[in-house]
Structure formats: C-alpha cells, structure tokens
N, C-alpha and C. Protein backbone atom coordinates (compact mmCIF):
# COMPACT_ATOMS: atom_id res chain seq x y z
N MET A 1 -11.96 -57.86 4.80
CA MET A 1 -13.12 -56.90 5.09
C MET A 1 -12.81 -55.50 4.86
N ARG A 2 -13.59 -54.86 4.16
CA ARG A 2 -13.33 -53.32 3.85
C ARG A 2 -13.73 -52.56 5.29
N MET A 3 -12.73 -52.42 6.00
CA MET A 3 -13.09 -51.73 7.32
C MET A 3 -13.34 -50.36 7.07
N PHE A 4 -12.80 -49.68 5.97
CA PHE A 4 -13.12 -48.23 5.83
C PHE A 4 -14.60 -48.18 5.48
N LEU A 5 -15.17 -49.03 4.89
CA LEU A 5 -16.68 -48.90 4.67
C LEU A 5 -17.53 -49.24 6.00
N VAL A 6 -16.92 -50.20 6.69
CA VAL A 6 -17.58 -50.49 8.06
C VAL A 6 -17.49 -49.17 8.91
N ASN A 7 -16.35 -48.54 8.95
CA ASN A 7 -16.13 -47.45 9.74
C ASN A 7 -16.90 -46.16 9.42
N ALA A 8 -16.98 -46.03 8.08
CA ALA A 8 -17.74 -44.87 7.56
C ALA A 8 -19.34 -45.07 7.94
N ARG A 9 -19.73 -46.39 7.59
CA ARG A 9 -21.18 -46.66 7.79
C ARG A 9 -21.57 -46.43 9.27
N GLU A 10 -20.65 -46.83 10.27
CA GLU A 10 -20.87 -46.91 11.62
C GLU A 10 -20.87 -45.32 12.16
N ARG A 11 -19.95 -44.73 11.50
CA ARG A 11 -19.86 -43.22 11.89
C ARG A 11 -21.35 -42.53 11.76
N LYS A 12 -21.89 -43.04 10.52
CA LYS A 12 -23.26 -42.48 10.24
C LYS A 12 -24.38 -43.12 11.10
N GLY A 13 -24.19 -44.12 11.75
CA GLY A 13 -25.13 -44.84 12.53
C GLY A 13 -26.02 -45.69 11.68
N TYR A 14 -25.47 -46.10 10.44
CA TYR A 14 -26.30 -46.71 9.46
C TYR A 14 -26.04 -48.44 9.63
N SER A 15 -26.96 -49.13 9.44
CA SER A 15 -26.79 -50.52 9.27
C SER A 15 -26.56 -50.84 7.70
N GLN A 16 -26.10 -52.14 7.55
CA GLN A 16 -25.80 -52.51 6.16
C GLN A 16 -27.02 -52.41 5.39
N ARG A 17 -28.07 -52.78 5.92
CA ARG A 17 -29.35 -52.75 5.26
C ARG A 17 -29.76 -51.29 4.79
N ARG A 18 -29.51 -50.34 5.71
CA ARG A 18 -29.96 -49.05 5.47
C ARG A 18 -28.93 -48.43 4.20
N THR A 19 -27.64 -48.70 4.42
CA THR A 19 -26.72 -48.27 3.54
C THR A 19 -27.09 -48.88 2.02
N ALA A 20 -27.31 -50.19 2.01
CA ALA A 20 -27.63 -50.82 0.84
C ALA A 20 -28.93 -50.14 0.20
N LYS A 21 -29.91 -49.91 0.95
CA LYS A 21 -31.18 -49.30 0.32
C LYS A 21 -30.95 -47.90 -0.09
N GLU A 22 -30.08 -47.10 0.52
CA GLU A 22 -30.05 -45.68 0.17
C GLU A 22 -29.04 -45.71 -1.15
N ALA A 23 -28.14 -46.71 -1.25
CA ALA A 23 -27.32 -46.78 -2.27
C ALA A 23 -27.90 -47.49 -3.52
N GLY A 24 -29.19 -48.01 -3.39
CA GLY A 24 -29.77 -48.79 -4.47
C GLY A 24 -29.32 -50.13 -4.78
N LEU A 25 -28.75 -50.62 -3.75
CA LEU A 25 -28.22 -52.08 -3.82
C LEU A 25 -29.03 -53.00 -2.97
N SER A 26 -29.01 -54.24 -3.19
CA SER A 26 -29.53 -55.26 -2.27
C SER A 26 -28.60 -55.31 -1.13
N HIS A 27 -29.37 -55.72 0.11
CA HIS A 27 -28.60 -56.06 1.35
C HIS A 27 -27.44 -57.03 1.10
N GLN A 28 -27.62 -58.13 0.36
CA GLN A 28 -26.73 -59.06 -0.01
C GLN A 28 -25.62 -58.50 -0.74
N GLN A 29 -25.82 -57.77 -1.74
CA GLN A 29 -24.75 -57.24 -2.64
C GLN A 29 -23.85 -56.28 -1.78
N TYR A 30 -24.50 -55.35 -0.88
CA TYR A 30 -23.63 -54.46 -0.10
C TYR A 30 -22.78 -55.35 0.90
N GLY A 31 -23.56 -56.34 1.48
CA GLY A 31 -22.87 -57.18 2.32
C GLY A 31 -21.44 -57.82 1.86
N ARG A 32 -21.70 -58.25 0.54
CA ARG A 32 -20.56 -58.93 -0.03
C ARG A 32 -19.42 -57.98 -0.44
N ILE A 33 -19.76 -56.57 -0.66
CA ILE A 33 -18.82 -55.62 -0.96
C ILE A 33 -18.08 -55.37 0.42
N GLU A 34 -18.91 -54.94 1.38
CA GLU A 34 -18.29 -54.70 2.71
C GLU A 34 -17.36 -55.86 3.10
N ASN A 35 -17.83 -56.97 3.11
CA ASN A 35 -17.13 -58.20 3.69
C ASN A 35 -15.84 -58.66 2.66
N GLY A 36 -15.82 -58.11 1.57
CA GLY A 36 -14.81 -58.46 0.68
C GLY A 36 -14.89 -59.63 -0.24
N VAL A 37 -16.14 -60.16 -0.11
CA VAL A 37 -16.47 -61.42 -0.90
C VAL A 37 -16.42 -60.95 -2.36
N SER A 38 -16.86 -59.84 -2.79
CA SER A 38 -17.07 -59.36 -4.07
C SER A 38 -15.60 -59.08 -4.80
N GLY A 39 -14.56 -59.23 -3.97
CA GLY A 39 -13.27 -58.89 -4.54
C GLY A 39 -13.11 -57.52 -5.10
N SER A 40 -12.37 -57.35 -5.96
CA SER A 40 -12.18 -55.88 -6.51
C SER A 40 -13.17 -55.60 -7.74
N LYS A 41 -14.03 -56.43 -7.95
CA LYS A 41 -14.85 -56.29 -9.14
C LYS A 41 -16.33 -55.47 -8.84
N ILE A 42 -16.01 -54.23 -8.61
CA ILE A 42 -17.19 -53.36 -8.28
C ILE A 42 -17.29 -52.31 -9.35
N SER A 43 -18.47 -52.09 -9.76
CA SER A 43 -18.54 -51.00 -10.88
C SER A 43 -18.44 -49.63 -10.32
N PHE A 44 -17.88 -48.65 -11.10
CA PHE A 44 -17.85 -47.39 -10.74
C PHE A 44 -18.93 -46.81 -10.26
N LEU A 45 -20.24 -47.09 -10.86
CA LEU A 45 -21.43 -46.65 -10.43
C LEU A 45 -21.80 -47.11 -9.07
N THR A 46 -21.55 -48.29 -8.72
CA THR A 46 -21.81 -48.75 -7.45
C THR A 46 -20.85 -48.07 -6.40
N ILE A 47 -19.60 -48.00 -6.77
CA ILE A 47 -18.70 -47.28 -5.76
C ILE A 47 -19.31 -45.78 -5.67
N GLY A 48 -19.64 -45.18 -6.53
CA GLY A 48 -20.10 -43.72 -6.56
C GLY A 48 -21.33 -43.71 -5.56
N ARG A 49 -22.24 -44.58 -5.76
CA ARG A 49 -23.43 -44.77 -5.00
C ARG A 49 -23.04 -44.92 -3.45
N ILE A 50 -22.26 -45.84 -3.17
CA ILE A 50 -21.81 -46.10 -1.73
C ILE A 50 -21.04 -44.93 -1.31
N ALA A 51 -20.06 -44.33 -1.98
CA ALA A 51 -19.45 -43.14 -1.56
C ALA A 51 -20.37 -42.00 -1.13
N LYS A 52 -21.40 -41.72 -1.92
CA LYS A 52 -22.46 -40.67 -1.67
C LYS A 52 -23.16 -40.93 -0.38
N VAL A 53 -23.67 -42.20 -0.26
CA VAL A 53 -24.43 -42.45 1.02
C VAL A 53 -23.55 -42.35 2.23
N LEU A 54 -22.19 -42.74 2.05
CA LEU A 54 -21.46 -42.68 3.28
C LEU A 54 -20.49 -41.43 3.46
N ASP A 55 -20.75 -40.61 2.51
CA ASP A 55 -20.10 -39.17 2.55
C ASP A 55 -18.67 -39.40 2.50
N ILE A 56 -18.19 -40.27 1.60
CA ILE A 56 -16.88 -40.42 1.39
C ILE A 56 -16.53 -39.86 -0.07
N SER A 57 -15.46 -39.05 -0.21
CA SER A 57 -15.09 -38.60 -1.67
C SER A 57 -14.51 -39.86 -2.43
N LEU A 58 -14.75 -39.53 -3.56
CA LEU A 58 -14.30 -40.48 -4.65
C LEU A 58 -12.73 -40.78 -4.48
N ASP A 59 -12.18 -39.75 -4.31
CA ASP A 59 -10.64 -39.82 -3.93
C ASP A 59 -10.24 -40.57 -2.89
N GLU A 60 -11.08 -40.25 -1.72
CA GLU A 60 -10.83 -41.02 -0.41
C GLU A 60 -11.24 -42.55 -0.66
N TYR A 61 -12.29 -42.76 -1.36
CA TYR A 61 -12.76 -44.17 -1.57
C TYR A 61 -11.57 -44.90 -2.31
N HIS A 62 -11.04 -44.29 -3.26
CA HIS A 62 -10.05 -44.89 -4.20
C HIS A 62 -8.65 -45.05 -3.27
N ARG A 63 -8.32 -44.16 -2.41
CA ARG A 63 -7.16 -44.43 -1.64
C ARG A 63 -7.51 -45.52 -0.62
N TYR A 64 -8.50 -45.66 0.09
CA TYR A 64 -8.90 -46.75 0.94
C TYR A 64 -8.84 -48.07 0.18
N GLU A 65 -9.51 -48.07 -0.99
CA GLU A 65 -9.71 -49.30 -1.72
C GLU A 65 -8.36 -49.85 -2.24
N LYS A 66 -7.46 -48.83 -2.65
CA LYS A 66 -6.18 -49.23 -2.94
C LYS A 66 -5.44 -49.95 -1.80
N ALA A 67 -5.42 -49.29 -0.66
CA ALA A 67 -4.83 -49.84 0.61
C ALA A 67 -5.34 -51.26 0.88
N TYR A 68 -6.59 -51.43 0.67
CA TYR A 68 -7.32 -52.65 0.87
C TYR A 68 -6.82 -53.80 0.06
N ILE A 69 -6.70 -53.47 -1.32
CA ILE A 69 -6.31 -54.35 -2.38
C ILE A 69 -4.81 -54.66 -2.06
N ASP A 70 -4.02 -53.73 -1.79
CA ASP A 70 -2.59 -53.88 -1.57
C ASP A 70 -2.33 -54.91 -0.26
N HIS A 71 -3.28 -54.66 0.66
CA HIS A 71 -3.05 -55.43 1.70
C HIS A 71 -3.45 -57.01 1.56
N LEU A 72 -4.44 -57.20 0.65
CA LEU A 72 -4.69 -58.58 0.23
C LEU A 72 -3.62 -59.10 -0.55
N VAL A 73 -2.96 -58.40 -1.38
CA VAL A 73 -1.87 -58.94 -2.11
C VAL A 73 -0.78 -59.35 -1.23
N VAL A 74 -0.48 -58.44 -0.23
CA VAL A 74 0.69 -58.86 0.68
C VAL A 74 0.35 -60.01 1.44
N GLU A 75 -0.89 -60.11 1.94
CA GLU A 75 -1.53 -61.33 2.59
C GLU A 75 -1.31 -62.52 1.83
N HIS A 76 -1.72 -62.50 0.53
CA HIS A 76 -1.65 -63.70 -0.33
C HIS A 76 -0.23 -63.99 -0.62
N GLU A 77 0.78 -63.12 -0.73
CA GLU A 77 2.05 -63.55 -0.88
C GLU A 77 2.64 -64.04 0.31
N ARG A 78 2.29 -63.59 1.53
CA ARG A 78 2.86 -64.06 2.70
C ARG A 78 2.43 -65.51 2.90
N THR A 79 1.26 -65.81 2.65
CA THR A 79 0.57 -67.26 2.83
C THR A 79 1.02 -68.14 1.76
N SER A 80 1.60 -67.81 0.61
CA SER A 80 1.99 -68.67 -0.59
C SER A 80 3.38 -69.13 -0.39
C-alpha cells in the first residue's frame, strides 16, 4: 500500500473517490494505485494529476515512490 498517498489524501480530508474525481481518474483506478495493485506501472501524466490534487511536489512523489518500490523489492527478497 502506498501509505504516502493515503497520508496525503487523509491530510486533505479527501476520500479515494474525491481524489480520483479531482485527478480525472476512476475510483477503481485510483484505488488500485493507492493499494499497490497497479505496481509501478503508472503514467507520468497520472502521477502528475495525483500529485497536484494532493499537493505533493513531483520530487516528493518520486522520493516516496522510490522508497515504496525499494520496500517491495526487499520484502520480495526476504520472502524468496
């Protein structure tokens, strides 16, 4: 789960549905991104839209996303 998105969304008092609507995404698509189901295959345009809605700079988003992906890799290696 991309907790950095959950935390940013909750700081704004937004639901997943509202975040998705303001970012021009379906509720399901945003939910898959936030829950990590979409993996790392997120378009730059989509990242930009989410970052704008949640008031996250692209640099900050990239740092958080890198930490998220690194964590997934470590967890995968640990369980393999």
